[in-house]
PDB file of N, CA and C in Angstrom:
ATOM      1  N   UNK A   1     -41.237 234.249 134.655  1.00  0.00           N
ATOM      2  CA  UNK A   1     -41.966 233.325 135.524  1.00  0.00           C
ATOM      3  C   UNK A   1     -40.607 233.504 136.548  1.00  0.00           C
ATOM      4  N   UNK A   2     -40.202 233.420 137.521  1.00  0.00           N
ATOM      5  CA  UNK A   2     -39.587 232.928 138.885  1.00  0.00           C
ATOM      6  C   UNK A   2     -40.001 231.701 139.749  1.00  0.00           C
ATOM      7  N   UNK A   3     -38.763 231.373 140.135  1.00  0.00           N
ATOM      8  CA  UNK A   3     -39.458 229.654 140.750  1.00  0.00           C
ATOM      9  C   UNK A   3     -40.597 230.576 142.405  1.00  0.00           C
ATOM     10  N   UNK A   4     -40.587 231.595 142.389  1.00  0.00           N
ATOM     11  CA  UNK A   4     -41.913 231.465 143.928  1.00  0.00           C
ATOM     12  C   UNK A   4     -42.987 231.546 143.045  1.00  0.00           C
ATOM     13  N   UNK A   5     -42.841 232.002 142.342  1.00  0.00           N
ATOM     14  CA  UNK A   5     -44.351 232.607 141.096  1.00  0.00           C
ATOM     15  C   UNK A   5     -44.854 231.685 140.283  1.00  0.00           C
ATOM     16  N   UNK A   6     -44.335 230.009 140.358  1.00  0.00           N
ATOM     17  CA  UNK A   6     -44.192 229.136 139.795  1.00  0.00           C
ATOM     18  C   UNK A   6     -44.512 228.363 140.780  1.00  0.00           C
ATOM     19  N   UNK A   7     -43.835 227.970 142.173  1.00  0.00           N
ATOM     20  CA  UNK A   7     -44.701 227.195 142.891  1.00  0.00           C
ATOM     21  C   UNK A   7     -46.175 227.985 143.377  1.00  0.00           C
ATOM     22  N   UNK A   8     -45.857 229.121 143.953  1.00  0.00           N
ATOM     23  CA  UNK A   8     -47.493 229.016 143.821  1.00  0.00           C
ATOM     24  C   UNK A   8     -48.291 228.958 142.772  1.00  0.00           C
ATOM     25  N   UNK A   9     -48.364 228.646 141.581  1.00  0.00           N
ATOM     26  CA  UNK A   9     -49.183 229.012 140.265  1.00  0.00           C
ATOM     27  C   UNK A   9     -49.101 227.465 140.766  1.00  0.00           C
ATOM     28  N   UNK A  10     -48.540 226.511 141.412  1.00  0.00           N
ATOM     29  CA  UNK A  10     -48.784 224.779 141.018  1.00  0.00           C
ATOM     30  C   UNK A  10     -49.436 224.696 142.349  1.00  0.00           C
ATOM     31  N   UNK A  11     -49.181 225.196 143.699  1.00  0.00           N
ATOM     32  CA  UNK A  11     -50.467 225.218 144.561  1.00  0.00           C
ATOM     33  C   UNK A  11     -51.249 225.731 144.731  1.00  0.00           C
ATOM     34  N   UNK A  12     -51.977 226.888 143.657  1.00  0.00           N
ATOM     35  CA  UNK A  12     -53.034 227.532 143.984  1.00  0.00           C
ATOM     36  C   UNK A  12     -53.841 226.708 142.169  1.00  0.00           C
ATOM     37  N   UNK A  13     -53.345 226.319 141.606  1.00  0.00           N
ATOM     38  CA  UNK A  13     -54.151 225.284 140.436  1.00  0.00           C
ATOM     39  C   UNK A  13     -54.084 223.902 140.993  1.00  0.00           C
ATOM     40  N   UNK A  14     -53.778 223.336 142.257  1.00  0.00           N
ATOM     41  CA  UNK A  14     -53.628 221.854 143.124  1.00  0.00           C
ATOM     42  C   UNK A  14     -52.986 221.052 141.653  1.00  0.00           C
ATOM     43  N   UNK A  15     -52.116 221.313 141.345  1.00  0.00           N
ATOM     44  CA  UNK A  15     -51.824 220.208 140.921  1.00  0.00           C
ATOM     45  C   UNK A  15     -50.403 219.648 141.648  1.00  0.00           C
ATOM     46  N   UNK A  16     -50.084 218.252 141.468  1.00  0.00           N
ATOM     47  CA  UNK A  16     -49.841 217.108 141.853  1.00  0.00           C
ATOM     48  C   UNK A  16     -49.036 216.703 140.415  1.00  0.00           C
ATOM     49  N   UNK A  17     -47.666 216.188 141.325  1.00  0.00           N
ATOM     50  CA  UNK A  17     -46.335 215.490 140.863  1.00  0.00           C
ATOM     51  C   UNK A  17     -47.113 214.934 139.069  1.00  0.00           C
ATOM     52  N   UNK A  18     -48.252 213.598 139.230  1.00  0.00           N
ATOM     53  CA  UNK A  18     -48.805 213.277 137.912  1.00  0.00           C
ATOM     54  C   UNK A  18     -49.622 214.071 137.306  1.00  0.00           C
ATOM     55  N   UNK A  19     -50.189 215.370 137.560  1.00  0.00           N
ATOM     56  CA  UNK A  19     -50.102 215.761 136.773  1.00  0.00           C
ATOM     57  C   UNK A  19     -49.473 217.240 135.753  1.00  0.00           C
ATOM     58  N   UNK A  20     -48.259 217.293 137.113  1.00  0.00           N
ATOM     59  CA  UNK A  20     -47.380 217.710 136.161  1.00  0.00           C
ATOM     60  C   UNK A  20     -46.177 217.545 134.958  1.00  0.00           C
ATOM     61  N   UNK A  21     -46.172 216.088 135.273  1.00  0.00           N
ATOM     62  CA  UNK A  21     -45.230 214.979 134.176  1.00  0.00           C
ATOM     63  C   UNK A  21     -46.863 214.704 133.002  1.00  0.00           C
ATOM     64  N   UNK A  22     -48.014 214.854 133.497  1.00  0.00           N
ATOM     65  CA  UNK A  22     -48.996 214.674 132.324  1.00  0.00           C
ATOM     66  C   UNK A  22     -49.539 216.115 131.867  1.00  0.00           C
ATOM     67  N   UNK A  23     -49.344 217.450 132.280  1.00  0.00           N
ATOM     68  CA  UNK A  23     -49.770 218.527 131.179  1.00  0.00           C
ATOM     69  C   UNK A  23     -48.643 218.512 130.874  1.00  0.00           C
ATOM     70  N   UNK A  24     -46.951 219.332 131.377  1.00  0.00           N
ATOM     71  CA  UNK A  24     -46.042 219.734 131.102  1.00  0.00           C
ATOM     72  C   UNK A  24     -44.640 218.923 130.604  1.00  0.00           C
ATOM     73  N   UNK A  25     -44.582 217.220 131.271  1.00  0.00           N
ATOM     74  CA  UNK A  25     -43.965 216.090 130.760  1.00  0.00           C
ATOM     75  C   UNK A  25     -42.738 216.426 131.836  1.00  0.00           C
ATOM     76  N   UNK A  26     -43.288 217.159 133.211  1.00  0.00           N
ATOM     77  CA  UNK A  26     -42.248 217.889 133.766  1.00  0.00           C
ATOM     78  C   UNK A  26     -42.017 216.678 134.728  1.00  0.00           C
ATOM     79  N   UNK A  27     -41.031 215.864 135.371  1.00  0.00           N
ATOM     80  CA  UNK A  27     -40.642 214.994 136.276  1.00  0.00           C
ATOM     81  C   UNK A  27     -40.384 215.455 138.029  1.00  0.00           C
ATOM     82  N   UNK A  28     -40.636 214.872 138.584  1.00  0.00           N
ATOM     83  CA  UNK A  28     -40.319 215.087 140.037  1.00  0.00           C
ATOM     84  C   UNK A  28     -38.792 216.017 140.186  1.00  0.00           C
ATOM     85  N   UNK A  29     -37.936 215.539 139.683  1.00  0.00           N
ATOM     86  CA  UNK A  29     -36.725 215.998 139.925  1.00  0.00           C
ATOM     87  C   UNK A  29     -37.138 217.595 139.313  1.00  0.00           C
ATOM     88  N   UNK A  30     -36.947 217.728 138.431  1.00  0.00           N
ATOM     89  CA  UNK A  30     -37.427 219.151 137.441  1.00  0.00           C
ATOM     90  C   UNK A  30     -37.973 219.707 137.825  1.00  0.00           C
ATOM     91  N   UNK A  31     -39.164 219.189 138.265  1.00  0.00           N
ATOM     92  CA  UNK A  31     -40.205 220.660 139.309  1.00  0.00           C
ATOM     93  C   UNK A  31     -39.458 220.985 140.355  1.00  0.00           C
ATOM     94  N   UNK A  32     -39.052 220.266 141.242  1.00  0.00           N
ATOM     95  CA  UNK A  32     -38.205 220.237 142.693  1.00  0.00           C
ATOM     96  C   UNK A  32     -36.836 221.212 141.652  1.00  0.00           C
ATOM     97  N   UNK A  33     -35.769 221.399 140.867  1.00  0.00           N
ATOM     98  CA  UNK A  33     -35.333 221.793 139.964  1.00  0.00           C
ATOM     99  C   UNK A  33     -35.661 223.248 139.809  1.00  0.00           C
ATOM    100  N   UNK A  34     -37.364 223.407 139.112  1.00  0.00           N
ATOM    101  CA  UNK A  34     -37.732 224.709 138.505  1.00  0.00           C
ATOM    102  C   UNK A  34     -38.335 225.488 140.159  1.00  0.00           C
ATOM    103  N   UNK A  35     -38.898 224.796 140.670  1.00  0.00           N
ATOM    104  CA  UNK A  35     -39.069 225.726 142.050  1.00  0.00           C
ATOM    105  C   UNK A  35     -38.093 225.653 143.239  1.00  0.00           C
ATOM    106  N   UNK A  36     -37.072 225.469 142.330  1.00  0.00           N
ATOM    107  CA  UNK A  36     -35.469 226.436 143.714  1.00  0.00           C
ATOM    108  C   UNK A  36     -35.224 227.045 142.574  1.00  0.00           C
ATOM    109  N   UNK A  37     -35.715 227.446 141.401  1.00  0.00           N
ATOM    110  CA  UNK A  37     -34.615 228.151 140.982  1.00  0.00           C
ATOM    111  C   UNK A  37     -33.965 228.165 140.048  1.00  0.00           C
ATOM    112  N   UNK A  38     -32.980 226.760 140.723  1.00  0.00           N
ATOM    113  CA  UNK A  38     -32.352 225.497 140.356  1.00  0.00           C
ATOM    114  C   UNK A  38     -32.379 226.095 138.303  1.00  0.00           C
ATOM    115  N   UNK A  39     -33.637 226.287 137.705  1.00  0.00           N
ATOM    116  CA  UNK A  39     -33.632 225.855 136.477  1.00  0.00           C
ATOM    117  C   UNK A  39     -34.686 226.632 136.019  1.00  0.00           C
ATOM    118  N   UNK A  40     -34.600 227.359 134.928  1.00  0.00           N
ATOM    119  CA  UNK A  40     -35.350 228.526 134.820  1.00  0.00           C
ATOM    120  C   UNK A  40     -36.306 227.437 133.804  1.00  0.00           C
ATOM    121  N   UNK A  41     -37.989 228.220 134.552  1.00  0.00           N
ATOM    122  CA  UNK A  41     -39.291 227.990 134.448  1.00  0.00           C
ATOM    123  C   UNK A  41     -39.173 228.566 132.737  1.00  0.00           C
ATOM    124  N   UNK A  42     -39.650 226.680 131.811  1.00  0.00           N
ATOM    125  CA  UNK A  42     -40.113 227.132 130.496  1.00  0.00           C
ATOM    126  C   UNK A  42     -41.149 228.078 130.076  1.00  0.00           C
ATOM    127  N   UNK A  43     -41.109 228.527 128.825  1.00  0.00           N
ATOM    128  CA  UNK A  43     -42.212 229.418 128.595  1.00  0.00           C
ATOM    129  C   UNK A  43     -43.261 228.340 128.410  1.00  0.00           C
ATOM    130  N   UNK A  44     -43.237 228.288 128.059  1.00  0.00           N
ATOM    131  CA  UNK A  44     -44.788 227.547 127.818  1.00  0.00           C
ATOM    132  C   UNK A  44     -45.584 226.493 129.405  1.00  0.00           C
ATOM    133  N   UNK A  45     -44.300 226.085 130.095  1.00  0.00           N
ATOM    134  CA  UNK A  45     -45.095 225.710 131.400  1.00  0.00           C
ATOM    135  C   UNK A  45     -45.723 227.290 132.279  1.00  0.00           C
ATOM    136  N   UNK A  46     -44.809 227.971 131.936  1.00  0.00           N
ATOM    137  CA  UNK A  46     -45.488 229.571 132.581  1.00  0.00           C
ATOM    138  C   UNK A  46     -46.409 230.147 131.789  1.00  0.00           C
ATOM    139  N   UNK A  47     -46.250 230.187 130.659  1.00  0.00           N
ATOM    140  CA  UNK A  47     -47.951 230.347 129.665  1.00  0.00           C
ATOM    141  C   UNK A  47     -48.916 228.570 130.225  1.00  0.00           C
ATOM    142  N   UNK A  48     -48.746 228.080 130.136  1.00  0.00           N
ATOM    143  CA  UNK A  48     -49.450 226.630 130.484  1.00  0.00           C
ATOM    144  C   UNK A  48     -50.761 227.092 132.143  1.00  0.00           C
ATOM    145  N   UNK A  49     -49.502 227.243 133.223  1.00  0.00           N
ATOM    146  CA  UNK A  49     -49.556 227.900 134.753  1.00  0.00           C
ATOM    147  C   UNK A  49     -50.424 229.259 134.487  1.00  0.00           C
ATOM    148  N   UNK A  50     -50.210 230.278 133.602  1.00  0.00           N
ATOM    149  CA  UNK A  50     -50.990 231.865 133.788  1.00  0.00           C
ATOM    150  C   UNK A  50     -51.780 231.170 133.594  1.00  0.00           C
ATOM    151  N   UNK A  51     -52.310 230.580 132.118  1.00  0.00           N
ATOM    152  CA  UNK A  51     -53.545 230.747 132.111  1.00  0.00           C
ATOM    153  C   UNK A  51     -54.026 229.711 132.913  1.00  0.00           C
ATOM    154  N   UNK A  52     -53.478 229.018 133.518  1.00  0.00           N
ATOM    155  CA  UNK A  52     -55.188 227.885 134.632  1.00  0.00           C
ATOM    156  C   UNK A  52     -55.101 228.708 135.363  1.00  0.00           C
ATOM    157  N   UNK A  53     -54.582 229.764 135.635  1.00  0.00           N
ATOM    158  CA  UNK A  53     -54.792 230.471 136.698  1.00  0.00           C
ATOM    159  C   UNK A  53     -55.881 231.669 136.215  1.00  0.00           C
ATOM    160  N   UNK A  54     -55.667 232.624 134.900  1.00  0.00           N
ATOM    161  CA  UNK A  54     -56.169 233.365 134.448  1.00  0.00           C
ATOM    162  C   UNK A  54     -57.947 232.753 134.441  1.00  0.00           C
ATOM    163  N   UNK A  55     -57.976 232.168 134.377  1.00  0.00           N
ATOM    164  CA  UNK A  55     -59.170 230.860 133.628  1.00  0.00           C
ATOM    165  C   UNK A  55     -60.066 230.089 134.342  1.00  0.00           C
ATOM    166  N   UNK A  56     -59.287 230.082 135.509  1.00  0.00           N
ATOM    167  CA  UNK A  56     -59.567 229.564 136.925  1.00  0.00           C
ATOM    168  C   UNK A  56     -59.629 227.764 136.897  1.00  0.00           C
ATOM    169  N   UNK A  57     -58.554 227.102 136.074  1.00  0.00           N
ATOM    170  CA  UNK A  57     -59.313 226.363 134.791  1.00  0.00           C
ATOM    171  C   UNK A  57     -58.077 225.219 136.912  1.00  0.00           C
ATOM    172  N   UNK A  58     -58.885 224.118 137.116  1.00  0.00           N
ATOM    173  CA  UNK A  58     -58.053 223.444 138.304  1.00  0.00           C
ATOM    174  C   UNK A  58     -57.504 222.338 137.434  1.00  0.00           C
ATOM    175  N   UNK A  59     -56.198 221.592 138.156  1.00  0.00           N
ATOM    176  CA  UNK A  59     -55.592 220.907 137.944  1.00  0.00           C
ATOM    177  C   UNK A  59     -56.870 219.764 137.419  1.00  0.00           C
ATOM    178  N   UNK A  60     -57.246 219.385 138.155  1.00  0.00           N
ATOM    179  CA  UNK A  60     -58.343 218.069 136.908  1.00  0.00           C
ATOM    180  C   UNK A  60     -59.211 218.340 136.248  1.00  0.00           C
ATOM    181  N   UNK A  61     -59.225 220.254 135.941  1.00  0.00           N
ATOM    182  CA  UNK A  61     -59.791 220.060 135.021  1.00  0.00           C
ATOM    183  C   UNK A  61     -59.353 220.061 133.733  1.00  0.00           C
ATOM    184  N   UNK A  62     -57.826 220.804 134.077  1.00  0.00           N
ATOM    185  CA  UNK A  62     -56.887 219.846 133.010  1.00  0.00           C
ATOM    186  C   UNK A  62     -56.342 219.218 132.897  1.00  0.00           C
ATOM    187  N   UNK A  63     -56.353 218.296 133.315  1.00  0.00           N
ATOM    188  CA  UNK A  63     -56.423 217.087 132.540  1.00  0.00           C
ATOM    189  C   UNK A  63     -57.392 216.839 132.213  1.00  0.00           C
ATOM    190  N   UNK A  64     -58.216 216.678 132.542  1.00  0.00           N
ATOM    191  CA  UNK A  64     -59.837 216.280 131.391  1.00  0.00           C
ATOM    192  C   UNK A  64     -59.313 216.748 129.802  1.00  0.00           C
ATOM    193  N   UNK A  65     -59.082 218.193 129.487  1.00  0.00           N
ATOM    194  CA  UNK A  65     -59.120 218.512 128.731  1.00  0.00           C
ATOM    195  C   UNK A  65     -57.701 218.293 127.931  1.00  0.00           C
ATOM    196  N   UNK A  66     -56.845 217.653 128.668  1.00  0.00           N
ATOM    197  CA  UNK A  66     -55.518 217.288 127.673  1.00  0.00           C
ATOM    198  C   UNK A  66     -55.839 216.136 127.635  1.00  0.00           C
ATOM    199  N   UNK A  67     -56.238 215.107 128.295  1.00  0.00           N
ATOM    200  CA  UNK A  67     -56.652 213.726 127.836  1.00  0.00           C
ATOM    201  C   UNK A  67     -57.890 213.453 126.579  1.00  0.00           C
ATOM    202  N   UNK A  68     -58.389 215.315 126.446  1.00  0.00           N
ATOM    203  CA  UNK A  68     -59.625 215.115 125.450  1.00  0.00           C
ATOM    204  C   UNK A  68     -59.130 215.092 124.206  1.00  0.00           C
ATOM    205  N   UNK A  69     -57.962 215.824 124.320  1.00  0.00           N
ATOM    206  CA  UNK A  69     -57.106 216.398 123.168  1.00  0.00           C
ATOM    207  C   UNK A  69     -56.125 215.335 122.451  1.00  0.00           C
ATOM    208  N   UNK A  70     -55.937 214.615 124.125  1.00  0.00           N
ATOM    209  CA  UNK A  70     -54.625 213.615 123.354  1.00  0.00           C
ATOM    210  C   UNK A  70     -55.484 212.012 121.968  1.00  0.00           C
ATOM    211  N   UNK A  71     -56.159 212.134 122.889  1.00  0.00           N
ATOM    212  CA  UNK A  71     -57.446 211.457 122.427  1.00  0.00           C
ATOM    213  C   UNK A  71     -57.177 211.438 121.370  1.00  0.00           C
ATOM    214  N   UNK A  72     -57.918 212.697 120.721  1.00  0.00           N
ATOM    215  CA  UNK A  72     -59.035 213.146 119.151  1.00  0.00           C
ATOM    216  C   UNK A  72     -57.343 213.053 118.715  1.00  0.00           C
ATOM    217  N   UNK A  73     -56.350 213.433 119.063  1.00  0.00           N
ATOM    218  CA  UNK A  73     -54.791 213.459 118.234  1.00  0.00           C
ATOM    219  C   UNK A  73     -54.408 212.262 117.473  1.00  0.00           C
ATOM    220  N   UNK A  74     -54.709 210.683 118.828  1.00  0.00           N
ATOM    221  CA  UNK A  74     -54.603 209.232 117.883  1.00  0.00           C
ATOM    222  C   UNK A  74     -55.249 208.679 117.111  1.00  0.00           C
TER     223      UNK A  74
END
């Protein structure tokens, strides 16, 4: 995934900084570096974003699903 694809995927899914941190453990500085192409987008992040796009999963739904999974693991 290229930086422009990352930025587009984040925009289309409606992810904000708090969502990125919760879903992918990405802080604001890392997000900026990924979006600018300074850092390579990790495969797991790229796959997660692509999965959200393909399944039409928005940020709110993804966060709910992750929260449910985290509660179950605890």
